[in-house]
Amino acid sequence: MAPTKKKKTLMVARKLPLDLEEEILIRVPPLSLVRFKSVCKEWNTLFNNKIFINKNFACNRPEIMLTTHSHIYSISVNLNDDPTIKVQELCFDLRSLRYSLYGICDGNYFMYDFHKGGMVWNPLLRKTKLIAKDESSCGREMGYDGSRPEKSYKIIGRMSSNSYHRVAVLEFATNAWKVTHRTSCGEELQSHDPNSRVSLNGNLYSTGYKYPDTGQCFIEMLDFSKEIRKIFCILPCKAKKGTSHTRMLSIYKGDRLSVLQQCKRTGEIKIWVTEKKIGNGDDGDNVVWINFMTVSRPDFPKLLTPMSTSYFVDNNIYGKSFVLCCNSKKPRQAWVYIVRGDMCKKIKIGGVVCKFQSSVYVPSLISIS
C-alpha cells in the first residue's frame, strides 16, 4: 500500500472586530502608538484619523513638563500603590535659543522669542511650526475656536497704547496677523494670577480676584471664538489680601477645572474641582465646586514661585491623589510630591539643580498645522 499523505492544517490568526480593536488602541499611551504606526497600513491610517486622535487625547494621563535654560524633561507619574516617577529628557536643545513658554493647547507648546518670533512644538511627535512674527503685539496666547466643526487654532496678542488695547489675531490656517479691534484699558479685566492659566475646550482660563472691593476670587476666560475676555465663574475661595494666598489652576479628568489655594501663613492647601464637565460654549453660570482635598502638613513646602510650580489631581482605584512639582531653595532642587490619604511621598528629580519652569500637559497625537 502506498503511504498516506498527512494533510497540513493551516492555522489562520483570528482578528478582533474592527470596532473592538479601535476601542483597545484608543486607550494605549500615545508614545506607544507612535511606534505602532509601522505595524501595518491600517494602524497607520487609524492613528492619523482626527476622530481617533481626539478620543485618544481624552484618555491620556497628564504629565509634567519641566524646562530649564538648556533642557526640557517630561515626567510621567505612576499613581499605583507605591507611586513612582519616570523622567525622560526630550530632544529639544534650548541652549542656542531664547524661547519662552507662553502656553499649552492640546499637548502642543507655544513658545516665543522676541527676535525670531513664535513657534509651536509637539513634544511627542517632535514637530515644530514657525509662527509669523508680529513686532507690535504682546501677551500672546494660543487656543482654538471650538464653535466650528473643525478646530480653528489661533493666537491672540495684545499691546497697550495710551488708554487703549490693540488686539491682534493670528489664524494658523493663514499664518498672518490681523488687527481685530481696540478696547479701552479700563474695560479689560485684570487677573492677579497671570501664571495660573490652563487651556480647556480651546479657551484660556486664569484666576483673579476683586480686591479690595469684595476679596472674591474668580476665573477669567479668554473666549477664542468671540475673541473677548470675561469673568467665567466665581471661585469657592476669597482673598483678604492679594499676597495672603497662592492660587493655581489645573485640569481635572480632562474636561473639568481644578483650583488650588495655599495660605502663605499656615501652608495649608485646599483643592476644589468642578462637579460637572465644562462643555463648549459653557458660560459658567451653572458651575458647582466640590471640595476635593485638604493638605495640612508641617513638612509640606510653601508655593512661593508659581512659574516653577504645577500640580494635578486624580481619583483612581487607589484613592484621591495630589501630585505637585515644585522647587526648594536650600538646597536648590526640583521635587515631585505625591499625597494620598496619610501618605506623602517626596521624590527628587535628578539633575535639575537650577531655575526651571514647570507645567502640566497631556501628550497628544494632535498636530497643529
Protein backbone atom coordinates (compact mmCIF):
# COMPACT_ATOMS: atom_id res chain seq x y z
CA MET A 1 0.00 0.00 0.00
CA ALA A 2 1.14 3.46 -0.81
CA PRO A 3 1.84 5.60 2.27
CA THR A 4 -0.94 8.07 3.08
CA LYS A 5 -0.08 11.71 2.96
CA LYS A 6 -0.82 13.74 6.05
CA LYS A 7 -2.90 16.83 5.42
CA LYS A 8 -1.37 20.08 6.53
CA THR A 9 -3.61 22.23 8.65
CA LEU A 10 -3.13 25.97 8.26
CA MET A 11 -3.81 27.98 11.42
CA VAL A 12 -5.28 31.34 10.50
CA ALA A 13 -4.97 34.02 13.18
CA ARG A 14 -8.39 35.26 14.24
CA LYS A 15 -8.67 39.04 14.12
CA LEU A 16 -10.65 41.12 16.56
CA PRO A 17 -13.64 43.04 15.25
CA LEU A 18 -12.51 46.41 13.97
CA ASP A 19 -14.58 48.42 16.45
CA LEU A 20 -13.22 46.43 19.40
CA GLU A 21 -9.65 46.75 18.11
CA GLU A 22 -10.09 50.52 17.86
CA GLU A 23 -11.53 50.75 21.40
CA ILE A 24 -8.42 48.97 22.72
CA LEU A 25 -5.97 51.14 20.77
CA ILE A 26 -7.69 54.36 21.90
CA ARG A 27 -6.55 53.56 25.46
CA VAL A 28 -2.92 52.86 24.51
CA PRO A 29 -0.46 55.60 25.60
CA PRO A 30 0.37 57.87 22.64
CA LEU A 31 4.13 57.22 22.89
CA SER A 32 3.44 53.55 22.08
CA LEU A 33 1.07 54.50 19.25
CA VAL A 34 3.85 56.48 17.58
CA ARG A 35 5.94 53.30 17.49
CA PHE A 36 2.96 51.15 16.41
CA LYS A 37 2.41 53.20 13.24
CA SER A 38 4.80 50.91 11.38
CA VAL A 39 2.94 47.71 12.33
CA CYS A 40 0.54 47.87 9.38
CA LYS A 41 -1.09 50.30 6.96
CA GLU A 42 -4.45 50.04 8.72
CA TRP A 43 -2.99 51.20 12.03
CA ASN A 44 -1.01 53.99 10.41
CA THR A 45 -4.22 55.25 8.77
CA LEU A 46 -6.17 54.91 12.02
CA PHE A 47 -3.57 56.83 14.07
CA ASN A 48 -3.86 59.74 11.61
CA ASN A 49 -7.65 59.84 11.85
CA LYS A 50 -8.80 63.01 13.66
CA ILE A 51 -11.67 61.29 15.46
CA PHE A 52 -9.33 58.59 16.79
CA ILE A 53 -6.69 61.17 17.76
CA ASN A 54 -9.20 63.23 19.77
CA LYS A 55 -10.56 60.14 21.55
CA ASN A 56 -7.03 59.01 22.42
CA PHE A 57 -6.20 62.50 23.73
CA ALA A 58 -9.24 62.35 26.04
CA CYS A 59 -7.95 59.06 27.53
CA ASN A 60 -4.34 60.14 28.07
CA ARG A 61 -2.92 60.82 31.51
CA PRO A 62 -1.32 64.16 32.47
CA GLU A 63 2.45 64.52 32.71
CA ILE A 64 4.74 67.28 33.97
CA MET A 65 6.90 69.24 31.56
CA LEU A 66 9.98 70.77 33.20
CA THR A 67 12.05 73.37 31.32
CA THR A 68 15.48 74.68 32.35
CA HIS A 69 17.69 77.17 30.49
CA SER A 70 19.09 74.38 28.35
CA HIS A 71 16.96 71.23 28.60
CA ILE A 72 13.36 70.01 28.62
CA TYR A 73 12.18 66.99 30.62
CA SER A 74 8.91 65.06 30.60
CA ILE A 75 7.93 63.47 33.93
CA SER A 76 5.31 60.75 33.99
CA VAL A 77 3.79 59.71 37.32
CA ASN A 78 2.63 56.17 38.10
CA LEU A 79 -0.11 56.51 40.73
CA ASN A 80 -0.15 52.87 41.82
CA ASP A 81 0.04 51.51 45.37
CA ASP A 82 3.66 52.70 45.62
CA PRO A 83 3.82 55.80 43.36
CA THR A 84 6.88 56.35 41.18
CA ILE A 85 8.01 58.82 38.53
CA LYS A 86 9.87 58.40 35.25
CA VAL A 87 11.99 61.28 33.91
CA GLN A 88 12.70 61.47 30.18
CA GLU A 89 14.86 64.15 28.57
CA LEU A 90 13.30 65.39 25.35
CA CYS A 91 15.34 66.04 22.22
CA PHE A 92 14.99 69.80 22.07
CA ASP A 93 18.12 71.87 22.69
CA LEU A 94 17.35 75.31 24.17
CA ARG A 95 20.94 76.43 24.69
CA SER A 96 21.16 78.34 21.41
CA LEU A 97 17.56 79.64 21.58
CA ARG A 98 15.75 82.20 23.69
CA TYR A 99 12.23 80.84 23.53
CA SER A 100 9.89 81.41 26.47
CA LEU A 101 6.84 79.24 27.10
CA TYR A 102 3.56 81.12 26.63
CA GLY A 103 1.01 78.30 26.81
CA ILE A 104 -0.10 74.76 26.06
CA CYS A 105 -3.05 73.65 23.96
CA ASP A 106 -3.92 70.07 23.01
CA GLY A 107 -0.46 68.83 24.00
CA ASN A 108 1.26 71.46 21.82
CA TYR A 109 3.53 74.13 23.29
CA PHE A 110 3.50 77.72 22.09
CA MET A 111 6.90 79.36 22.61
CA TYR A 112 8.07 82.83 21.63
CA ASP A 113 11.39 84.53 21.01
CA PHE A 114 11.34 88.33 20.66
CA HIS A 115 13.95 88.15 17.91
CA LYS A 116 12.82 85.06 15.99
CA GLY A 117 9.06 85.07 16.59
CA GLY A 118 6.80 82.26 17.71
CA MET A 119 6.91 78.50 17.38
CA VAL A 120 4.51 75.67 18.13
CA TRP A 121 6.11 72.42 19.23
CA ASN A 122 4.59 68.97 19.82
CA PRO A 123 6.99 67.12 22.19
CA LEU A 124 5.54 63.69 21.35
CA LEU A 125 5.63 63.99 17.56
CA ARG A 126 8.77 66.19 17.62
CA LYS A 127 7.13 68.53 15.13
CA THR A 128 7.55 72.30 15.06
CA LYS A 129 5.72 75.05 13.23
CA LEU A 130 7.08 78.59 12.92
CA ILE A 131 4.66 81.45 13.50
CA ALA A 132 4.74 84.74 11.62
CA LYS A 133 6.41 87.44 13.67
CA ASP A 134 4.43 90.47 14.80
CA GLU A 135 6.52 93.31 16.17
CA SER A 136 3.72 95.20 17.88
CA SER A 137 1.68 92.61 19.76
CA CYS A 138 2.35 91.08 23.16
CA GLY A 139 0.62 88.83 25.68
CA ARG A 140 0.41 86.06 23.09
CA GLU A 141 -1.97 83.22 23.97
CA MET A 142 -2.88 80.11 21.99
CA GLY A 143 -6.24 78.35 21.68
CA TYR A 144 -8.89 77.49 19.13
CA ASP A 145 -12.43 78.36 18.08
CA GLY A 146 -14.45 75.39 19.32
CA SER A 147 -17.71 76.65 17.83
CA ARG A 148 -16.73 75.41 14.37
CA PRO A 149 -16.97 71.79 13.14
CA GLU A 150 -13.18 71.81 12.63
CA LYS A 151 -10.90 73.31 15.28
CA SER A 152 -9.62 76.67 14.12
CA TYR A 153 -6.35 77.26 16.01
CA LYS A 154 -5.29 80.85 16.58
CA ILE A 155 -3.08 83.12 18.68
CA ILE A 156 -4.41 86.28 20.30
CA GLY A 157 -1.99 89.09 21.15
CA ARG A 158 -2.43 92.44 22.87
CA MET A 159 -0.48 95.62 23.34
CA SER A 160 -1.36 98.74 25.29
CA SER A 161 -1.17 102.15 23.60
CA ASN A 162 -2.13 105.19 25.65
CA SER A 163 -5.56 104.28 27.07
CA TYR A 164 -6.37 101.50 24.59
CA HIS A 165 -5.52 97.86 23.94
CA ARG A 166 -4.80 96.76 20.39
CA VAL A 167 -6.00 93.21 19.78
CA ALA A 168 -4.31 91.18 17.03
CA VAL A 169 -5.20 87.65 15.96
CA LEU A 170 -3.20 85.08 14.01
CA GLU A 171 -5.07 82.14 12.49
CA PHE A 172 -2.92 79.10 11.82
CA ALA A 173 -4.69 78.46 8.53
CA THR A 174 -3.32 81.72 7.09
CA ASN A 175 -0.28 82.27 9.38
CA ALA A 176 -0.91 86.02 9.17
CA TRP A 177 -1.69 88.61 11.84
CA LYS A 178 -4.66 90.95 11.62
CA VAL A 179 -5.89 93.66 13.98
CA THR A 180 -9.45 92.92 15.04
CA HIS A 181 -10.40 95.77 17.39
CA ARG A 182 -9.33 98.17 20.11
CA THR A 183 -10.78 98.33 23.60
CA SER A 184 -10.46 100.74 26.48
CA CYS A 185 -7.89 99.67 29.09
CA GLY A 186 -10.48 100.36 31.75
CA GLU A 187 -12.79 97.74 30.24
CA GLU A 188 -10.20 94.96 30.43
CA LEU A 189 -10.32 92.51 33.34
CA GLN A 190 -7.13 92.40 35.38
CA SER A 191 -6.14 88.94 36.61
CA HIS A 192 -3.99 88.86 39.71
CA ASP A 193 -2.55 85.41 38.96
CA PRO A 194 -1.10 85.66 35.41
CA ASN A 195 0.99 82.49 35.81
CA SER A 196 -2.01 80.32 36.70
CA ARG A 197 -3.50 79.53 33.28
CA VAL A 198 -4.94 76.42 31.66
CA SER A 199 -6.46 75.63 28.26
CA LEU A 200 -9.76 73.75 28.05
CA ASN A 201 -12.03 73.38 25.01
CA GLY A 202 -9.75 75.81 23.18
CA ASN A 203 -10.37 78.64 25.68
CA LEU A 204 -7.88 80.01 28.21
CA TYR A 205 -8.77 80.20 31.92
CA SER A 206 -6.88 82.09 34.65
CA THR A 207 -7.57 83.07 38.26
CA GLY A 208 -8.09 86.58 39.58
CA TYR A 209 -9.68 88.42 42.47
CA LYS A 210 -11.67 91.58 43.19
CA TYR A 211 -9.63 93.30 45.88
CA PRO A 212 -10.24 95.46 47.84
CA ASP A 213 -13.88 95.58 46.73
CA THR A 214 -15.04 92.15 47.90
CA GLY A 215 -11.99 89.88 48.02
CA GLN A 216 -13.98 87.43 45.89
CA CYS A 217 -11.85 85.22 43.63
CA PHE A 218 -12.99 84.33 40.13
CA ILE A 219 -11.92 82.62 36.93
CA GLU A 220 -11.37 84.80 33.89
CA MET A 221 -11.86 83.25 30.45
CA LEU A 222 -10.36 84.25 27.12
CA ASP A 223 -13.02 83.11 24.66
CA PHE A 224 -11.25 82.22 21.41
CA SER A 225 -14.46 82.01 19.38
CA LYS A 226 -15.57 85.58 20.27
CA GLU A 227 -12.01 86.81 20.97
CA ILE A 228 -13.02 88.51 24.23
CA ARG A 229 -12.15 88.22 27.93
CA LYS A 230 -14.83 87.84 30.57
CA ILE A 231 -15.44 86.50 34.06
CA PHE A 232 -16.36 82.83 33.71
CA CYS A 233 -17.34 81.88 37.26
CA ILE A 234 -16.79 82.67 40.93
CA LEU A 235 -14.27 80.56 42.88
CA PRO A 236 -15.08 78.96 46.26
CA CYS A 237 -12.28 80.93 47.95
CA LYS A 238 -11.67 84.55 48.96
CA ALA A 239 -8.55 86.68 49.29
CA LYS A 240 -8.46 89.18 52.15
CA LYS A 241 -5.17 90.46 50.77
CA GLY A 242 -3.61 89.99 47.38
CA THR A 243 -0.45 88.46 48.87
CA SER A 244 -2.08 86.25 51.50
CA HIS A 245 -2.64 83.18 49.32
CA THR A 246 -1.22 81.39 46.30
CA ARG A 247 -3.72 80.15 43.73
CA MET A 248 -3.25 77.78 40.80
CA LEU A 249 -5.46 76.17 38.17
CA SER A 250 -5.33 72.71 36.66
CA ILE A 251 -7.45 70.39 34.50
CA TYR A 252 -9.30 67.55 36.23
CA LYS A 253 -10.41 64.39 34.36
CA GLY A 254 -9.63 66.10 31.05
CA ASP A 255 -12.90 68.07 30.98
CA ARG A 256 -13.19 69.78 34.38
CA LEU A 257 -11.38 72.55 36.23
CA SER A 258 -9.46 72.29 39.50
CA VAL A 259 -8.26 75.15 41.69
CA LEU A 260 -5.64 75.04 44.47
CA GLN A 261 -5.22 77.69 47.14
CA GLN A 262 -2.46 77.72 49.75
CA CYS A 263 -2.38 80.04 52.73
CA LYS A 264 1.10 81.60 52.83
CA ARG A 265 0.95 81.96 56.61
CA THR A 266 -0.08 78.41 57.61
CA GLY A 267 0.90 76.48 54.46
CA GLU A 268 -2.49 74.73 54.37
CA ILE A 269 -3.64 73.72 50.89
CA LYS A 270 -7.25 73.38 49.79
CA ILE A 271 -8.22 71.92 46.43
CA TRP A 272 -11.61 72.14 44.73
CA VAL A 273 -12.86 70.61 41.45
CA THR A 274 -15.90 71.34 39.33
CA GLU A 275 -18.68 68.79 39.82
CA LYS A 276 -19.55 68.54 36.13
CA LYS A 277 -17.53 68.85 32.95
CA ILE A 278 -17.04 72.21 31.27
CA GLY A 279 -18.56 72.00 27.80
CA ASN A 280 -18.05 74.00 24.63
CA GLY A 281 -19.99 77.24 24.89
CA ASP A 282 -20.38 76.90 28.67
CA ASP A 283 -20.88 80.38 30.18
CA GLY A 284 -20.01 79.29 33.75
CA ASP A 285 -23.39 80.15 35.26
CA ASN A 286 -24.04 76.60 36.47
CA VAL A 287 -20.55 75.72 37.72
CA VAL A 288 -20.60 73.92 41.09
CA TRP A 289 -17.38 73.45 43.08
CA ILE A 290 -16.82 70.49 45.41
CA ASN A 291 -14.04 70.10 47.98
CA PHE A 292 -11.56 67.53 46.66
CA MET A 293 -8.79 67.54 49.26
CA THR A 294 -7.20 69.49 52.14
CA VAL A 295 -3.48 69.12 52.81
CA SER A 296 -2.20 70.41 56.15
CA ARG A 297 1.26 69.06 56.90
CA PRO A 298 4.19 70.76 58.69
CA ASP A 299 6.67 69.19 56.23
CA PHE A 300 4.91 70.44 53.10
CA PRO A 301 6.53 73.23 51.03
CA LYS A 302 5.15 76.72 50.57
CA LEU A 303 4.45 77.50 46.94
CA LEU A 304 6.18 80.84 46.51
CA THR A 305 7.33 80.54 42.87
CA PRO A 306 4.33 79.91 40.57
CA MET A 307 6.48 79.61 37.44
CA SER A 308 8.26 76.59 38.92
CA THR A 309 5.13 75.06 40.41
CA SER A 310 2.46 72.89 38.79
CA TYR A 311 0.01 70.28 40.01
CA PHE A 312 -2.78 67.91 39.06
CA VAL A 313 -5.19 65.69 40.98
CA ASP A 314 -6.53 62.22 40.23
CA ASN A 315 -9.08 59.84 41.67
CA ASN A 316 -8.50 56.19 40.76
CA ILE A 317 -8.82 52.80 42.43
CA TYR A 318 -6.06 53.76 44.89
CA GLY A 319 -7.94 56.85 46.07
CA LYS A 320 -7.68 60.61 45.69
CA SER A 321 -4.16 61.69 44.76
CA PHE A 322 -2.48 65.11 44.61
CA VAL A 323 0.70 65.47 42.51
CA LEU A 324 2.82 68.60 42.91
CA CYS A 325 6.03 69.68 41.16
CA CYS A 326 7.97 72.47 42.88
CA ASN A 327 11.46 73.55 43.87
CA SER A 328 13.44 74.01 47.06
CA LYS A 329 15.97 76.80 47.60
CA LYS A 330 18.28 75.15 50.14
CA PRO A 331 19.47 73.01 48.54
CA ARG A 332 18.26 74.15 45.12
CA GLN A 333 16.47 71.11 43.76
CA ALA A 334 13.36 70.04 41.83
CA TRP A 335 10.88 67.72 43.58
CA VAL A 336 7.66 65.83 42.97
CA TYR A 337 5.30 65.41 45.93
CA ILE A 338 2.56 62.77 45.85
CA VAL A 339 -0.11 62.95 48.54
CA ARG A 340 -2.79 60.31 49.08
CA GLY A 341 -4.57 59.97 52.41
CA ASP A 342 -1.91 59.82 55.14
CA MET A 343 0.86 59.13 52.60
CA CYS A 344 3.16 61.91 51.41
CA LYS A 345 5.95 60.75 49.11
CA LYS A 346 8.72 63.16 48.13
CA ILE A 347 10.73 62.23 45.02
CA LYS A 348 13.79 64.12 43.77
CA ILE A 349 14.08 64.94 40.08
CA GLY A 350 17.71 64.09 39.48
CA GLY A 351 19.99 66.50 37.67
CA VAL A 352 17.78 69.58 37.98
CA VAL A 353 19.61 71.96 40.32
CA CYS A 354 18.90 75.26 38.56
CA LYS A 355 15.94 77.52 37.95
CA PHE A 356 13.16 75.85 35.98
CA GLN A 357 9.63 76.29 34.73
CA SER A 358 7.09 73.51 35.10
CA SER A 359 3.64 72.89 33.68
CA VAL A 360 1.16 70.05 33.36
CA TYR A 361 0.40 68.78 29.88
CA VAL A 362 -1.20 65.77 28.20
CA PRO A 363 0.86 64.06 25.45
CA SER A 364 -1.02 64.25 22.18
CA LEU A 365 -1.03 62.99 18.61
CA ILE A 366 -2.69 66.26 17.57
CA SER A 367 -0.55 68.13 15.08
CA ILE A 368 -1.37 71.83 14.75
CA SER A 369 -0.81 72.95 11.18
